[in-house]
N, C-alpha and C. Protein backbone atom coordinates (compact mmCIF):
# COMPACT_ATOMS: atom_id res chain seq x y z
N GLY A 1 3.94 -70.44 18.67
CA GLY A 1 4.31 -69.54 17.63
C GLY A 1 3.14 -69.18 16.74
N LEU A 2 3.38 -68.24 15.86
CA LEU A 2 2.32 -67.76 14.97
C LEU A 2 1.88 -68.82 13.96
N THR A 3 2.73 -69.79 13.65
CA THR A 3 2.37 -70.75 12.61
C THR A 3 1.22 -71.65 13.01
N ARG A 4 0.86 -71.66 14.27
CA ARG A 4 -0.28 -72.48 14.69
C ARG A 4 -1.60 -71.73 14.50
N HIS A 5 -1.53 -70.47 14.08
CA HIS A 5 -2.72 -69.66 13.87
C HIS A 5 -3.00 -69.47 12.39
N THR A 6 -4.26 -69.25 12.07
CA THR A 6 -4.63 -68.99 10.68
C THR A 6 -4.24 -67.55 10.33
N PRO A 7 -4.14 -67.25 9.04
CA PRO A 7 -3.85 -65.86 8.65
C PRO A 7 -4.86 -64.86 9.22
N ASP A 8 -6.13 -65.24 9.28
CA ASP A 8 -7.13 -64.34 9.84
C ASP A 8 -6.91 -64.11 11.34
N GLU A 9 -6.50 -65.15 12.05
CA GLU A 9 -6.22 -65.00 13.48
C GLU A 9 -4.99 -64.10 13.70
N ILE A 10 -3.97 -64.28 12.87
CA ILE A 10 -2.77 -63.46 12.98
C ILE A 10 -3.11 -62.00 12.71
N THR A 11 -3.93 -61.75 11.69
CA THR A 11 -4.36 -60.38 11.38
C THR A 11 -5.13 -59.79 12.56
N ALA A 12 -6.03 -60.54 13.14
CA ALA A 12 -6.81 -60.05 14.27
C ALA A 12 -5.91 -59.73 15.46
N MET A 13 -4.93 -60.58 15.73
CA MET A 13 -4.01 -60.33 16.84
C MET A 13 -3.18 -59.08 16.57
N GLY A 14 -2.69 -58.92 15.36
CA GLY A 14 -1.90 -57.74 15.02
C GLY A 14 -2.70 -56.47 15.13
N ARG A 15 -3.92 -56.50 14.63
CA ARG A 15 -4.78 -55.31 14.73
C ARG A 15 -5.11 -54.99 16.18
N ALA A 16 -5.30 -56.01 17.00
CA ALA A 16 -5.58 -55.79 18.42
C ALA A 16 -4.37 -55.16 19.11
N GLU A 17 -3.18 -55.58 18.75
CA GLU A 17 -1.96 -55.00 19.33
C GLU A 17 -1.82 -53.53 18.93
N ILE A 18 -2.09 -53.23 17.67
CA ILE A 18 -2.02 -51.84 17.20
C ILE A 18 -3.05 -50.99 17.95
N ALA A 19 -4.26 -51.50 18.12
CA ALA A 19 -5.30 -50.76 18.83
C ALA A 19 -4.93 -50.53 20.29
N ALA A 20 -4.37 -51.55 20.94
CA ALA A 20 -3.98 -51.41 22.34
C ALA A 20 -2.86 -50.38 22.49
N LEU A 21 -1.88 -50.43 21.60
CA LEU A 21 -0.79 -49.45 21.65
C LEU A 21 -1.33 -48.04 21.41
N ALA A 22 -2.20 -47.89 20.44
CA ALA A 22 -2.77 -46.57 20.15
C ALA A 22 -3.58 -46.05 21.34
N ASP A 23 -4.34 -46.92 21.98
CA ASP A 23 -5.11 -46.51 23.16
C ASP A 23 -4.17 -46.04 24.27
N TYR A 24 -3.08 -46.75 24.48
CA TYR A 24 -2.12 -46.38 25.52
C TYR A 24 -1.46 -45.05 25.20
N ILE A 25 -1.04 -44.88 23.96
CA ILE A 25 -0.35 -43.66 23.55
C ILE A 25 -1.30 -42.46 23.56
N ALA A 26 -2.56 -42.67 23.28
CA ALA A 26 -3.52 -41.57 23.21
C ALA A 26 -3.62 -40.81 24.54
N ALA A 27 -3.29 -41.47 25.63
CA ALA A 27 -3.42 -40.86 26.96
C ALA A 27 -2.18 -40.08 27.38
N ARG A 28 -1.11 -40.14 26.57
CA ARG A 28 0.15 -39.47 26.95
C ARG A 28 0.98 -39.24 25.70
N PRO A 29 1.90 -38.29 25.71
CA PRO A 29 2.69 -38.04 24.51
C PRO A 29 3.72 -39.14 24.21
N TYR A 30 4.17 -39.83 25.25
CA TYR A 30 5.17 -40.89 25.08
C TYR A 30 4.79 -42.06 25.98
N LEU A 31 5.37 -43.21 25.74
CA LEU A 31 5.02 -44.39 26.53
C LEU A 31 5.27 -44.18 28.01
N GLY A 32 6.35 -43.48 28.35
CA GLY A 32 6.68 -43.28 29.75
C GLY A 32 6.14 -42.00 30.34
N GLY A 33 5.45 -41.20 29.57
CA GLY A 33 4.90 -39.96 30.09
C GLY A 33 5.20 -38.77 29.21
N ASP A 34 5.88 -37.77 29.79
CA ASP A 34 6.08 -36.50 29.08
C ASP A 34 7.34 -36.43 28.24
N ALA A 35 8.21 -37.42 28.34
CA ALA A 35 9.47 -37.40 27.58
C ALA A 35 9.72 -38.77 26.97
N PRO A 36 10.42 -38.80 25.83
CA PRO A 36 10.74 -40.10 25.21
C PRO A 36 11.60 -40.94 26.15
N SER A 37 11.42 -42.24 26.07
CA SER A 37 12.18 -43.17 26.90
C SER A 37 12.74 -44.30 26.04
N ARG A 38 13.50 -45.16 26.66
CA ARG A 38 14.02 -46.33 25.94
C ARG A 38 12.87 -47.20 25.43
N ALA A 39 11.79 -47.25 26.18
CA ALA A 39 10.62 -48.03 25.74
C ALA A 39 10.08 -47.47 24.43
N ASP A 40 10.02 -46.15 24.32
CA ASP A 40 9.56 -45.53 23.07
C ASP A 40 10.46 -45.95 21.91
N LEU A 41 11.76 -45.92 22.14
CA LEU A 41 12.68 -46.28 21.06
C LEU A 41 12.56 -47.74 20.68
N ALA A 42 12.37 -48.61 21.67
CA ALA A 42 12.22 -50.04 21.38
C ALA A 42 10.95 -50.31 20.58
N VAL A 43 9.85 -49.69 21.00
CA VAL A 43 8.58 -49.90 20.29
C VAL A 43 8.62 -49.22 18.92
N PHE A 44 9.25 -48.06 18.84
CA PHE A 44 9.40 -47.36 17.57
C PHE A 44 10.08 -48.27 16.54
N GLY A 45 11.09 -49.01 16.98
CA GLY A 45 11.79 -49.92 16.08
C GLY A 45 10.90 -51.01 15.51
N GLN A 46 9.83 -51.31 16.19
CA GLN A 46 8.89 -52.31 15.70
C GLN A 46 7.76 -51.69 14.88
N VAL A 47 7.39 -50.47 15.23
CA VAL A 47 6.24 -49.82 14.60
C VAL A 47 6.61 -49.10 13.31
N MET A 48 7.74 -48.43 13.30
CA MET A 48 8.10 -47.62 12.12
C MET A 48 8.16 -48.44 10.83
N PRO A 49 8.67 -49.66 10.85
CA PRO A 49 8.62 -50.43 9.60
C PRO A 49 7.19 -50.65 9.09
N LEU A 50 6.24 -50.82 10.00
CA LEU A 50 4.84 -50.96 9.56
C LEU A 50 4.35 -49.69 8.88
N LEU A 51 4.78 -48.54 9.42
CA LEU A 51 4.33 -47.26 8.88
C LEU A 51 5.05 -46.89 7.59
N ALA A 52 6.30 -47.27 7.46
CA ALA A 52 7.10 -46.84 6.31
C ALA A 52 7.17 -47.87 5.18
N TRP A 53 6.88 -49.09 5.47
CA TRP A 53 7.00 -50.16 4.49
C TRP A 53 5.96 -50.01 3.40
N PRO A 54 6.36 -49.99 2.13
CA PRO A 54 5.38 -49.80 1.06
C PRO A 54 4.50 -51.02 0.80
N MET A 55 4.95 -52.21 1.21
CA MET A 55 4.13 -53.40 0.98
C MET A 55 2.88 -53.34 1.85
N ARG A 56 1.74 -53.66 1.26
CA ARG A 56 0.48 -53.60 1.99
C ARG A 56 0.22 -54.93 2.69
N THR A 57 -0.05 -54.85 3.97
CA THR A 57 -0.50 -55.98 4.76
C THR A 57 -1.65 -55.47 5.63
N PRO A 58 -2.51 -56.36 6.09
CA PRO A 58 -3.62 -55.89 6.92
C PRO A 58 -3.16 -55.15 8.18
N VAL A 59 -2.11 -55.63 8.82
CA VAL A 59 -1.65 -54.99 10.05
C VAL A 59 -0.96 -53.66 9.75
N ALA A 60 -0.14 -53.63 8.71
CA ALA A 60 0.50 -52.36 8.33
C ALA A 60 -0.55 -51.34 7.90
N ASP A 61 -1.55 -51.77 7.17
CA ASP A 61 -2.62 -50.85 6.77
C ASP A 61 -3.34 -50.29 8.00
N THR A 62 -3.55 -51.13 9.00
CA THR A 62 -4.19 -50.67 10.24
C THR A 62 -3.31 -49.64 10.94
N ALA A 63 -2.01 -49.92 11.02
CA ALA A 63 -1.08 -48.97 11.65
C ALA A 63 -1.09 -47.65 10.90
N LYS A 64 -1.03 -47.70 9.58
CA LYS A 64 -1.00 -46.48 8.77
C LYS A 64 -2.30 -45.68 8.90
N ALA A 65 -3.38 -46.35 9.22
CA ALA A 65 -4.69 -45.69 9.34
C ALA A 65 -4.98 -45.24 10.78
N THR A 66 -3.98 -45.29 11.64
CA THR A 66 -4.15 -44.93 13.04
C THR A 66 -3.40 -43.63 13.32
N PRO A 67 -4.10 -42.49 13.27
CA PRO A 67 -3.43 -41.19 13.40
C PRO A 67 -2.59 -41.05 14.68
N VAL A 68 -3.11 -41.52 15.81
CA VAL A 68 -2.36 -41.37 17.06
C VAL A 68 -1.02 -42.11 16.99
N LEU A 69 -0.99 -43.23 16.31
CA LEU A 69 0.26 -43.99 16.17
C LEU A 69 1.22 -43.28 15.22
N ARG A 70 0.69 -42.77 14.12
CA ARG A 70 1.54 -42.01 13.19
C ARG A 70 2.12 -40.77 13.85
N ASP A 71 1.30 -40.05 14.62
CA ASP A 71 1.77 -38.85 15.31
C ASP A 71 2.85 -39.18 16.34
N TRP A 72 2.63 -40.25 17.10
CA TRP A 72 3.61 -40.68 18.09
C TRP A 72 4.93 -41.04 17.41
N ALA A 73 4.85 -41.82 16.33
CA ALA A 73 6.06 -42.22 15.61
C ALA A 73 6.80 -41.00 15.06
N SER A 74 6.08 -40.02 14.62
CA SER A 74 6.69 -38.79 14.13
C SER A 74 7.42 -38.06 15.26
N ARG A 75 6.79 -38.01 16.45
CA ARG A 75 7.44 -37.37 17.61
C ARG A 75 8.72 -38.11 17.98
N ILE A 76 8.68 -39.43 17.97
CA ILE A 76 9.87 -40.22 18.33
C ILE A 76 10.96 -40.01 17.28
N HIS A 77 10.58 -40.05 16.03
CA HIS A 77 11.55 -39.86 14.95
C HIS A 77 12.23 -38.50 15.08
N THR A 78 11.45 -37.47 15.32
CA THR A 78 11.99 -36.13 15.47
C THR A 78 12.90 -36.04 16.68
N ALA A 79 12.48 -36.65 17.80
CA ALA A 79 13.30 -36.62 19.02
C ALA A 79 14.61 -37.37 18.83
N ALA A 80 14.56 -38.48 18.10
CA ALA A 80 15.75 -39.31 17.92
C ALA A 80 16.69 -38.79 16.85
N PHE A 81 16.14 -38.24 15.77
CA PHE A 81 16.94 -37.88 14.62
C PHE A 81 16.98 -36.39 14.31
N GLY A 82 16.17 -35.62 15.02
CA GLY A 82 16.17 -34.17 14.82
C GLY A 82 15.42 -33.67 13.60
N VAL A 83 14.78 -34.56 12.89
CA VAL A 83 13.99 -34.19 11.72
C VAL A 83 12.72 -35.04 11.68
N SER A 84 11.68 -34.50 11.09
CA SER A 84 10.45 -35.27 10.90
C SER A 84 10.67 -36.33 9.84
N PRO A 85 9.96 -37.46 9.95
CA PRO A 85 10.10 -38.50 8.93
C PRO A 85 9.51 -38.02 7.60
N ASP A 86 9.92 -38.64 6.53
CA ASP A 86 9.35 -38.30 5.23
C ASP A 86 7.86 -38.65 5.26
N PRO A 87 7.04 -37.82 4.60
CA PRO A 87 5.60 -38.10 4.59
C PRO A 87 5.27 -39.38 3.87
């Protein structure tokens, strides 16, 4: 579990996960290709709180500073709910 890691290690792992996801998404509009999939919705459920949560954490700050991730989340939000998320 995470409790065996230091806060700095947890931050590094979280930032690495955000970077890996952003790299994957940068090559395609959605995780599965040209259309949203269940995988997009599952990952969206984990990512959107990082993007929308007002509390500052190193990993959330990294997610918020990653344009490709914000753009992807906006596409998923629009596809799922029919409206863009609040800025």
